[in-house]
Amino acid sequence: MGLELGLSVVVGFLIGSWLDEWLDTKPWFLLVFGVSGIIAGYRSIFRLVKRVQADSEQKHDSPSSS
């Protein structure tokens, strides 16, 4: 979970930094892709939490087999 957030942010900043160097537009692409990476990381964590909650509710609602 933490790896997903961290990688999303790092990849976003790396892509932005590379584009800024290539196009000589510092710091615009770094900011755009950095923020996009942060949003993507939090979005993936949010989806994971929702999936875990749904699985938990499904297990809680199912009748026990004993």
PDB file of N, CA and C in Angstrom:
ATOM      1  N   MET A   1       0.832  -1.181   0.000  1.00  0.00           N
ATOM      2  CA  MET A   1       0.000   0.000   0.000  1.00  0.00           C
ATOM      3  C   MET A   1       0.880   1.250   0.000  1.00  0.00           C
ATOM      4  N   GLY A   2       1.831   1.324   0.897  1.00  0.00           N
ATOM      5  CA  GLY A   2       2.731   2.471   0.929  1.00  0.00           C
ATOM      6  C   GLY A   2       3.620   2.527  -0.303  1.00  0.00           C
ATOM      7  N   LEU A   3       3.946   1.352  -0.825  1.00  0.00           N
ATOM      8  CA  LEU A   3       4.774   1.282  -2.023  1.00  0.00           C
ATOM      9  C   LEU A   3       4.052   1.886  -3.219  1.00  0.00           C
ATOM     10  N   GLU A   4       2.756   1.631  -3.327  1.00  0.00           N
ATOM     11  CA  GLU A   4       1.978   2.196  -4.430  1.00  0.00           C
ATOM     12  C   GLU A   4       1.991   3.716  -4.383  1.00  0.00           C
ATOM     13  N   LEU A   5       1.777   4.274  -3.215  1.00  0.00           N
ATOM     14  CA  LEU A   5       1.771   5.734  -3.071  1.00  0.00           C
ATOM     15  C   LEU A   5       3.152   6.296  -3.377  1.00  0.00           C
ATOM     16  N   GLY A   6       4.159   5.697  -2.803  1.00  0.00           N
ATOM     17  CA  GLY A   6       5.521   6.182  -3.010  1.00  0.00           C
ATOM     18  C   GLY A   6       5.964   6.110  -4.456  1.00  0.00           C
ATOM     19  N   LEU A   7       5.692   4.984  -5.104  1.00  0.00           N
ATOM     20  CA  LEU A   7       6.084   4.838  -6.504  1.00  0.00           C
ATOM     21  C   LEU A   7       5.330   5.797  -7.410  1.00  0.00           C
ATOM     22  N   SER A   8       4.065   6.003  -7.146  1.00  0.00           N
ATOM     23  CA  SER A   8       3.281   6.940  -7.957  1.00  0.00           C
ATOM     24  C   SER A   8       3.869   8.342  -7.882  1.00  0.00           C
ATOM     25  N   VAL A   9       4.218   8.763  -6.693  1.00  0.00           N
ATOM     26  CA  VAL A   9       4.780  10.104  -6.505  1.00  0.00           C
ATOM     27  C   VAL A   9       6.159  10.200  -7.161  1.00  0.00           C
ATOM     28  N   VAL A  10       7.007   9.224  -6.913  1.00  0.00           N
ATOM     29  CA  VAL A  10       8.367   9.256  -7.463  1.00  0.00           C
ATOM     30  C   VAL A  10       8.340   9.224  -8.987  1.00  0.00           C
ATOM     31  N   VAL A  11       7.536   8.341  -9.562  1.00  0.00           N
ATOM     32  CA  VAL A  11       7.452   8.254 -11.020  1.00  0.00           C
ATOM     33  C   VAL A  11       6.919   9.561 -11.601  1.00  0.00           C
ATOM     34  N   GLY A  12       5.920  10.138 -10.971  1.00  0.00           N
ATOM     35  CA  GLY A  12       5.391  11.419 -11.436  1.00  0.00           C
ATOM     36  C   GLY A  12       6.444  12.510 -11.424  1.00  0.00           C
ATOM     37  N   PHE A  13       7.197  12.604 -10.339  1.00  0.00           N
ATOM     38  CA  PHE A  13       8.241  13.623 -10.257  1.00  0.00           C
ATOM     39  C   PHE A  13       9.376  13.353 -11.249  1.00  0.00           C
ATOM     40  N   LEU A  14       9.726  12.083 -11.452  1.00  0.00           N
ATOM     41  CA  LEU A  14      10.790  11.768 -12.410  1.00  0.00           C
ATOM     42  C   LEU A  14      10.384  12.116 -13.839  1.00  0.00           C
ATOM     43  N   ILE A  15       9.161  11.769 -14.211  1.00  0.00           N
ATOM     44  CA  ILE A  15       8.684  12.104 -15.555  1.00  0.00           C
ATOM     45  C   ILE A  15       8.636  13.617 -15.730  1.00  0.00           C
ATOM     46  N   GLY A  16       8.109  14.314 -14.747  1.00  0.00           N
ATOM     47  CA  GLY A  16       8.041  15.765 -14.819  1.00  0.00           C
ATOM     48  C   GLY A  16       9.413  16.408 -14.908  1.00  0.00           C
ATOM     49  N   SER A  17      10.340  15.920 -14.130  1.00  0.00           N
ATOM     50  CA  SER A  17      11.698  16.456 -14.153  1.00  0.00           C
ATOM     51  C   SER A  17      12.358  16.213 -15.506  1.00  0.00           C
ATOM     52  N   TRP A  18      12.189  15.009 -16.032  1.00  0.00           N
ATOM     53  CA  TRP A  18      12.762  14.679 -17.340  1.00  0.00           C
ATOM     54  C   TRP A  18      12.176  15.567 -18.437  1.00  0.00           C
ATOM     55  N   LEU A  19      10.856  15.753 -18.427  1.00  0.00           N
ATOM     56  CA  LEU A  19      10.225  16.612 -19.434  1.00  0.00           C
ATOM     57  C   LEU A  19      10.679  18.063 -19.294  1.00  0.00           C
ATOM     58  N   ASP A  20      10.834  18.537 -18.069  1.00  0.00           N
ATOM     59  CA  ASP A  20      11.313  19.904 -17.857  1.00  0.00           C
ATOM     60  C   ASP A  20      12.730  20.094 -18.398  1.00  0.00           C
ATOM     61  N   GLU A  21      13.581  19.104 -18.184  1.00  0.00           N
ATOM     62  CA  GLU A  21      14.947  19.189 -18.715  1.00  0.00           C
ATOM     63  C   GLU A  21      14.930  19.167 -20.240  1.00  0.00           C
ATOM     64  N   TRP A  22      14.120  18.292 -20.803  1.00  0.00           N
ATOM     65  CA  TRP A  22      14.070  18.112 -22.255  1.00  0.00           C
ATOM     66  C   TRP A  22      13.476  19.336 -22.956  1.00  0.00           C
ATOM     67  N   LEU A  23      12.413  19.898 -22.380  1.00  0.00           N
ATOM     68  CA  LEU A  23      11.709  21.011 -23.009  1.00  0.00           C
ATOM     69  C   LEU A  23      12.082  22.378 -22.434  1.00  0.00           C
ATOM     70  N   ASP A  24      12.959  22.392 -21.434  1.00  0.00           N
ATOM     71  CA  ASP A  24      13.398  23.625 -20.767  1.00  0.00           C
ATOM     72  C   ASP A  24      12.205  24.449 -20.271  1.00  0.00           C
ATOM     73  N   THR A  25      11.358  23.795 -19.480  1.00  0.00           N
ATOM     74  CA  THR A  25      10.136  24.434 -18.973  1.00  0.00           C
ATOM     75  C   THR A  25      10.055  24.407 -17.451  1.00  0.00           C
ATOM     76  N   LYS A  26      11.192  24.338 -16.782  1.00  0.00           N
ATOM     77  CA  LYS A  26      11.194  24.201 -15.319  1.00  0.00           C
ATOM     78  C   LYS A  26      10.284  25.219 -14.669  1.00  0.00           C
ATOM     79  N   PRO A  27       9.537  24.940 -13.691  1.00  0.00           N
ATOM     80  CA  PRO A  27       9.204  23.705 -12.993  1.00  0.00           C
ATOM     81  C   PRO A  27       7.840  23.152 -13.376  1.00  0.00           C
ATOM     82  N   TRP A  28       7.305  23.541 -14.522  1.00  0.00           N
ATOM     83  CA  TRP A  28       5.899  23.271 -14.822  1.00  0.00           C
ATOM     84  C   TRP A  28       5.553  21.795 -14.930  1.00  0.00           C
ATOM     85  N   PHE A  29       6.298  21.031 -15.703  1.00  0.00           N
ATOM     86  CA  PHE A  29       5.975  19.613 -15.829  1.00  0.00           C
ATOM     87  C   PHE A  29       6.234  18.867 -14.522  1.00  0.00           C
ATOM     88  N   LEU A  30       7.252  19.296 -13.784  1.00  0.00           N
ATOM     89  CA  LEU A  30       7.521  18.687 -12.480  1.00  0.00           C
ATOM     90  C   LEU A  30       6.319  18.852 -11.559  1.00  0.00           C
ATOM     91  N   LEU A  31       5.756  20.044 -11.536  1.00  0.00           N
ATOM     92  CA  LEU A  31       4.583  20.287 -10.693  1.00  0.00           C
ATOM     93  C   LEU A  31       3.370  19.499 -11.174  1.00  0.00           C
ATOM     94  N   VAL A  32       3.121  19.529 -12.474  1.00  0.00           N
ATOM     95  CA  VAL A  32       1.943  18.844 -13.021  1.00  0.00           C
ATOM     96  C   VAL A  32       2.026  17.341 -12.787  1.00  0.00           C
ATOM     97  N   PHE A  33       3.146  16.732 -13.139  1.00  0.00           N
ATOM     98  CA  PHE A  33       3.264  15.284 -12.978  1.00  0.00           C
ATOM     99  C   PHE A  33       3.453  14.885 -11.520  1.00  0.00           C
ATOM    100  N   GLY A  34       4.062  15.742 -10.715  1.00  0.00           N
ATOM    101  CA  GLY A  34       4.175  15.456  -9.286  1.00  0.00           C
ATOM    102  C   GLY A  34       2.817  15.409  -8.614  1.00  0.00           C
ATOM    103  N   VAL A  35       1.994  16.404  -8.887  1.00  0.00           N
ATOM    104  CA  VAL A  35       0.636  16.424  -8.324  1.00  0.00           C
ATOM    105  C   VAL A  35      -0.185  15.264  -8.882  1.00  0.00           C
ATOM    106  N   SER A  36      -0.014  14.970 -10.171  1.00  0.00           N
ATOM    107  CA  SER A  36      -0.727  13.829 -10.760  1.00  0.00           C
ATOM    108  C   SER A  36      -0.320  12.519 -10.090  1.00  0.00           C
ATOM    109  N   GLY A  37       0.958  12.378  -9.782  1.00  0.00           N
ATOM    110  CA  GLY A  37       1.429  11.182  -9.093  1.00  0.00           C
ATOM    111  C   GLY A  37       0.852  11.062  -7.693  1.00  0.00           C
ATOM    112  N   ILE A  38       0.761  12.181  -6.992  1.00  0.00           N
ATOM    113  CA  ILE A  38       0.162  12.180  -5.651  1.00  0.00           C
ATOM    114  C   ILE A  38      -1.306  11.781  -5.731  1.00  0.00           C
ATOM    115  N   ILE A  39      -2.024  12.359  -6.681  1.00  0.00           N
ATOM    116  CA  ILE A  39      -3.444  12.029  -6.850  1.00  0.00           C
ATOM    117  C   ILE A  39      -3.609  10.560  -7.215  1.00  0.00           C
ATOM    118  N   ALA A  40      -2.789  10.060  -8.125  1.00  0.00           N
ATOM    119  CA  ALA A  40      -2.881   8.653  -8.530  1.00  0.00           C
ATOM    120  C   ALA A  40      -2.584   7.721  -7.356  1.00  0.00           C
ATOM    121  N   GLY A  41      -1.612   8.076  -6.536  1.00  0.00           N
ATOM    122  CA  GLY A  41      -1.282   7.251  -5.377  1.00  0.00           C
ATOM    123  C   GLY A  41      -2.411   7.192  -4.372  1.00  0.00           C
ATOM    124  N   TYR A  42      -2.982   8.338  -4.057  1.00  0.00           N
ATOM    125  CA  TYR A  42      -4.099   8.353  -3.113  1.00  0.00           C
ATOM    126  C   TYR A  42      -5.326   7.660  -3.688  1.00  0.00           C
ATOM    127  N   ARG A  43      -5.516   7.777  -4.990  1.00  0.00           N
ATOM    128  CA  ARG A  43      -6.652   7.105  -5.630  1.00  0.00           C
ATOM    129  C   ARG A  43      -6.506   5.581  -5.532  1.00  0.00           C
ATOM    130  N   SER A  44      -5.307   5.076  -5.751  1.00  0.00           N
ATOM    131  CA  SER A  44      -5.107   3.632  -5.658  1.00  0.00           C
ATOM    132  C   SER A  44      -5.280   3.145  -4.222  1.00  0.00           C
ATOM    133  N   ILE A  45      -4.842   3.927  -3.249  1.00  0.00           N
ATOM    134  CA  ILE A  45      -5.044   3.557  -1.847  1.00  0.00           C
ATOM    135  C   ILE A  45      -6.526   3.582  -1.505  1.00  0.00           C
ATOM    136  N   PHE A  46      -7.248   4.587  -1.994  1.00  0.00           N
ATOM    137  CA  PHE A  46      -8.687   4.678  -1.753  1.00  0.00           C
ATOM    138  C   PHE A  46      -9.408   3.454  -2.322  1.00  0.00           C
ATOM    139  N   ARG A  47      -9.046   3.043  -3.551  1.00  0.00           N
ATOM    140  CA  ARG A  47      -9.674   1.856  -4.146  1.00  0.00           C
ATOM    141  C   ARG A  47      -9.354   0.600  -3.342  1.00  0.00           C
ATOM    142  N   LEU A  48      -8.126   0.488  -2.854  1.00  0.00           N
ATOM    143  CA  LEU A  48      -7.741  -0.667  -2.051  1.00  0.00           C
ATOM    144  C   LEU A  48      -8.532  -0.716  -0.749  1.00  0.00           C
ATOM    145  N   VAL A  49      -8.684   0.423  -0.089  1.00  0.00           N
ATOM    146  CA  VAL A  49      -9.447   0.484   1.163  1.00  0.00           C
ATOM    147  C   VAL A  49     -10.903   0.120   0.916  1.00  0.00           C
ATOM    148  N   LYS A  50     -11.492   0.623  -0.165  1.00  0.00           N
ATOM    149  CA  LYS A  50     -12.887   0.294  -0.484  1.00  0.00           C
ATOM    150  C   LYS A  50     -13.043  -1.205  -0.738  1.00  0.00           C
ATOM    151  N   ARG A  51     -12.076  -1.811  -1.433  1.00  0.00           N
ATOM    152  CA  ARG A  51     -12.136  -3.242  -1.716  1.00  0.00           C
ATOM    153  C   ARG A  51     -12.030  -4.053  -0.425  1.00  0.00           C
ATOM    154  N   VAL A  52     -11.146  -3.647   0.472  1.00  0.00           N
ATOM    155  CA  VAL A  52     -10.994  -4.346   1.754  1.00  0.00           C
ATOM    156  C   VAL A  52     -12.264  -4.203   2.584  1.00  0.00           C
ATOM    157  N   GLN A  53     -12.869  -3.011   2.579  1.00  0.00           N
ATOM    158  CA  GLN A  53     -14.118  -2.807   3.315  1.00  0.00           C
ATOM    159  C   GLN A  53     -15.233  -3.678   2.748  1.00  0.00           C
ATOM    160  N   ALA A  54     -15.323  -3.775   1.437  1.00  0.00           N
ATOM    161  CA  ALA A  54     -16.364  -4.599   0.813  1.00  0.00           C
ATOM    162  C   ALA A  54     -16.156  -6.069   1.161  1.00  0.00           C
ATOM    163  N   ASP A  55     -14.909  -6.532   1.131  1.00  0.00           N
ATOM    164  CA  ASP A  55     -14.627  -7.918   1.505  1.00  0.00           C
ATOM    165  C   ASP A  55     -14.965  -8.168   2.966  1.00  0.00           C
ATOM    166  N   SER A  56     -14.653  -7.214   3.823  1.00  0.00           N
ATOM    167  CA  SER A  56     -14.939  -7.348   5.244  1.00  0.00           C
ATOM    168  C   SER A  56     -16.440  -7.404   5.501  1.00  0.00           C
ATOM    169  N   GLU A  57     -17.190  -6.538   4.827  1.00  0.00           N
ATOM    170  CA  GLU A  57     -18.648  -6.542   4.990  1.00  0.00           C
ATOM    171  C   GLU A  57     -19.254  -7.830   4.454  1.00  0.00           C
ATOM    172  N   GLN A  58     -18.708  -8.332   3.362  1.00  0.00           N
ATOM    173  CA  GLN A  58     -19.223  -9.566   2.780  1.00  0.00           C
ATOM    174  C   GLN A  58     -18.987 -10.740   3.732  1.00  0.00           C
ATOM    175  N   LYS A  59     -17.828 -10.808   4.350  1.00  0.00           N
ATOM    176  CA  LYS A  59     -17.545 -11.870   5.312  1.00  0.00           C
ATOM    177  C   LYS A  59     -18.417 -11.728   6.549  1.00  0.00           C
ATOM    178  N   HIS A  60     -18.663 -10.497   6.961  1.00  0.00           N
ATOM    179  CA  HIS A  60     -19.464 -10.238   8.153  1.00  0.00           C
ATOM    180  C   HIS A  60     -20.931 -10.590   7.903  1.00  0.00           C
ATOM    181  N   ASP A  61     -21.430 -10.320   6.708  1.00  0.00           N
ATOM    182  CA  ASP A  61     -22.835 -10.567   6.389  1.00  0.00           C
ATOM    183  C   ASP A  61     -23.137 -12.021   6.065  1.00  0.00           C
ATOM    184  N   SER A  62     -22.141 -12.797   5.669  1.00  0.00           N
ATOM    185  CA  SER A  62     -22.400 -14.194   5.309  1.00  0.00           C
ATOM    186  C   SER A  62     -22.647 -15.018   6.570  1.00  0.00           C
ATOM    187  N   PRO A  63     -23.580 -15.984   6.490  1.00  0.00           N
ATOM    188  CA  PRO A  63     -23.870 -16.818   7.667  1.00  0.00           C
ATOM    189  C   PRO A  63     -22.691 -17.725   7.993  1.00  0.00           C
ATOM    190  N   SER A  64     -22.497 -17.968   9.273  1.00  0.00           N
ATOM    191  CA  SER A  64     -21.393 -18.836   9.681  1.00  0.00           C
ATOM    192  C   SER A  64     -21.732 -20.283   9.365  1.00  0.00           C
ATOM    193  N   SER A  65     -20.700 -21.083   9.137  1.00  0.00           N
ATOM    194  CA  SER A  65     -20.913 -22.476   8.745  1.00  0.00           C
ATOM    195  C   SER A  65     -20.924 -23.415   9.939  1.00  0.00           C
ATOM    196  N   SER A  66     -20.902 -22.921  11.157  1.00  0.00           N
ATOM    197  CA  SER A  66     -20.892 -23.802  12.330  1.00  0.00           C
ATOM    198  C   SER A  66     -22.261 -24.145  12.819  1.00  0.00           C
TER     199      SER A  66
END
